[in-house]
Amino acid sequence: MEGLDILLSMHGTVVYRDDGYWWKIEVWTVLPTIVAIEGKSHESQNRHYV
């Protein structure tokens, strides 16, 4: 497994700490989209894939 596969395999994992705190890992894939950065023009050089 590499990179993204490792992250995807961790989906749903809950980590409990000894001090009572915990966190849950949620990971999923999405289709790439082009968005304009807020405050910038909509010219092609100001669009970024997220």
N, C-alpha and C. Protein backbone atom coordinates (compact mmCIF):
# COMPACT_ATOMS: atom_id res chain seq x y z
N MET A 1 0.85 -1.19 0.00
CA MET A 1 0.00 0.00 0.00
C MET A 1 0.88 1.24 0.00
N GLU A 2 0.39 2.26 -0.67
CA GLU A 2 1.12 3.54 -0.71
C GLU A 2 0.17 4.70 -0.47
N GLY A 3 0.69 5.80 0.05
CA GLY A 3 0.02 7.08 0.19
C GLY A 3 -1.47 7.07 0.38
N LEU A 4 -2.20 7.32 -0.70
CA LEU A 4 -3.65 7.44 -0.64
C LEU A 4 -4.30 6.15 -0.16
N ASP A 5 -3.78 5.01 -0.60
CA ASP A 5 -4.35 3.73 -0.17
C ASP A 5 -4.26 3.56 1.34
N ILE A 6 -3.15 4.00 1.92
CA ILE A 6 -2.98 3.92 3.38
C ILE A 6 -4.02 4.79 4.07
N LEU A 7 -4.17 6.02 3.60
CA LEU A 7 -5.17 6.92 4.20
C LEU A 7 -6.57 6.35 4.06
N LEU A 8 -6.92 5.86 2.88
CA LEU A 8 -8.26 5.31 2.67
C LEU A 8 -8.52 4.10 3.56
N SER A 9 -7.49 3.30 3.82
CA SER A 9 -7.67 2.13 4.68
C SER A 9 -7.90 2.51 6.14
N MET A 10 -7.56 3.74 6.52
CA MET A 10 -7.74 4.20 7.90
C MET A 10 -9.13 4.78 8.15
N HIS A 11 -9.97 4.89 7.12
CA HIS A 11 -11.31 5.45 7.27
C HIS A 11 -12.07 4.71 8.37
N GLY A 12 -12.65 5.48 9.28
CA GLY A 12 -13.44 4.90 10.36
C GLY A 12 -12.65 4.57 11.62
N THR A 13 -11.33 4.70 11.56
CA THR A 13 -10.49 4.41 12.72
C THR A 13 -10.72 5.45 13.81
N VAL A 14 -10.91 4.99 15.04
CA VAL A 14 -11.05 5.90 16.18
C VAL A 14 -9.81 5.71 17.05
N VAL A 15 -9.17 6.82 17.42
CA VAL A 15 -7.96 6.78 18.25
C VAL A 15 -8.32 7.39 19.61
N TYR A 16 -8.12 6.63 20.67
CA TYR A 16 -8.39 7.10 22.03
C TYR A 16 -7.07 7.41 22.73
N ARG A 17 -7.01 8.55 23.38
CA ARG A 17 -5.82 8.94 24.14
C ARG A 17 -6.03 8.65 25.62
N ASP A 18 -4.95 8.51 26.35
CA ASP A 18 -5.02 8.22 27.79
C ASP A 18 -5.65 9.36 28.59
N ASP A 19 -5.58 10.60 28.05
CA ASP A 19 -6.13 11.75 28.79
C ASP A 19 -7.61 11.99 28.50
N GLY A 20 -8.26 11.06 27.80
CA GLY A 20 -9.70 11.17 27.56
C GLY A 20 -10.08 11.75 26.20
N TYR A 21 -9.13 12.33 25.50
CA TYR A 21 -9.42 12.85 24.17
C TYR A 21 -9.40 11.72 23.16
N TRP A 22 -10.10 11.92 22.06
CA TRP A 22 -10.13 10.93 21.00
C TRP A 22 -10.35 11.65 19.67
N TRP A 23 -10.06 10.96 18.58
CA TRP A 23 -10.39 11.48 17.25
C TRP A 23 -10.73 10.33 16.33
N LYS A 24 -11.54 10.65 15.32
CA LYS A 24 -11.97 9.66 14.34
C LYS A 24 -11.46 10.10 12.98
N ILE A 25 -10.91 9.15 12.23
CA ILE A 25 -10.39 9.45 10.89
C ILE A 25 -11.47 9.16 9.87
N GLU A 26 -11.78 10.16 9.05
CA GLU A 26 -12.74 9.99 7.96
C GLU A 26 -12.05 10.41 6.66
N VAL A 27 -11.99 9.50 5.72
CA VAL A 27 -11.29 9.73 4.46
C VAL A 27 -12.16 9.21 3.32
N TRP A 28 -12.24 9.97 2.24
CA TRP A 28 -12.94 9.50 1.06
C TRP A 28 -12.38 10.19 -0.17
N THR A 29 -12.64 9.61 -1.32
CA THR A 29 -12.18 10.22 -2.58
C THR A 29 -13.33 11.01 -3.19
N VAL A 30 -12.97 12.06 -3.90
CA VAL A 30 -13.94 12.88 -4.61
C VAL A 30 -13.40 13.16 -6.01
N LEU A 31 -14.28 13.52 -6.91
CA LEU A 31 -13.84 13.89 -8.25
C LEU A 31 -13.17 15.25 -8.20
N PRO A 32 -12.10 15.46 -8.97
CA PRO A 32 -11.45 16.77 -8.98
C PRO A 32 -12.36 17.82 -9.60
N THR A 33 -12.32 19.02 -9.04
CA THR A 33 -13.09 20.14 -9.58
C THR A 33 -12.18 21.36 -9.69
N ILE A 34 -12.58 22.31 -10.51
CA ILE A 34 -11.84 23.56 -10.63
C ILE A 34 -12.64 24.63 -9.89
N VAL A 35 -11.98 25.33 -8.98
CA VAL A 35 -12.63 26.40 -8.24
C VAL A 35 -11.80 27.66 -8.35
N ALA A 36 -12.46 28.81 -8.30
CA ALA A 36 -11.75 30.08 -8.30
C ALA A 36 -11.46 30.48 -6.87
N ILE A 37 -10.25 30.92 -6.61
CA ILE A 37 -9.88 31.37 -5.28
C ILE A 37 -10.63 32.67 -4.98
N GLU A 38 -11.22 32.77 -3.79
CA GLU A 38 -11.98 33.95 -3.40
C GLU A 38 -11.12 35.19 -3.50
N GLY A 39 -11.69 36.26 -4.09
CA GLY A 39 -10.98 37.52 -4.21
C GLY A 39 -10.10 37.61 -5.44
N LYS A 40 -10.04 36.57 -6.22
CA LYS A 40 -9.22 36.58 -7.45
C LYS A 40 -10.15 36.61 -8.65
N SER A 41 -9.59 37.00 -9.77
CA SER A 41 -10.39 36.98 -11.00
C SER A 41 -10.63 35.54 -11.42
N HIS A 42 -11.51 35.34 -12.37
CA HIS A 42 -11.85 34.00 -12.82
C HIS A 42 -11.04 33.60 -14.04
N GLU A 43 -9.92 34.24 -14.25
CA GLU A 43 -9.02 33.88 -15.34
C GLU A 43 -8.44 32.49 -15.07
N SER A 44 -8.10 31.76 -16.11
CA SER A 44 -7.66 30.37 -15.95
C SER A 44 -6.43 30.24 -15.04
N GLN A 45 -5.53 31.23 -14.99
CA GLN A 45 -4.35 31.09 -14.15
C GLN A 45 -4.68 31.19 -12.66
N ASN A 46 -5.88 31.60 -12.30
CA ASN A 46 -6.27 31.74 -10.90
C ASN A 46 -7.19 30.61 -10.44
N ARG A 47 -7.30 29.57 -11.23
CA ARG A 47 -8.13 28.44 -10.84
C ARG A 47 -7.23 27.32 -10.38
N HIS A 48 -7.69 26.58 -9.38
CA HIS A 48 -6.90 25.52 -8.78
C HIS A 48 -7.73 24.28 -8.60
N TYR A 49 -7.11 23.13 -8.79
CA TYR A 49 -7.79 21.88 -8.51
C TYR A 49 -7.75 21.62 -7.02
N VAL A 50 -8.88 21.16 -6.48
CA VAL A 50 -8.94 20.80 -5.06
C VAL A 50 -9.57 19.43 -4.94
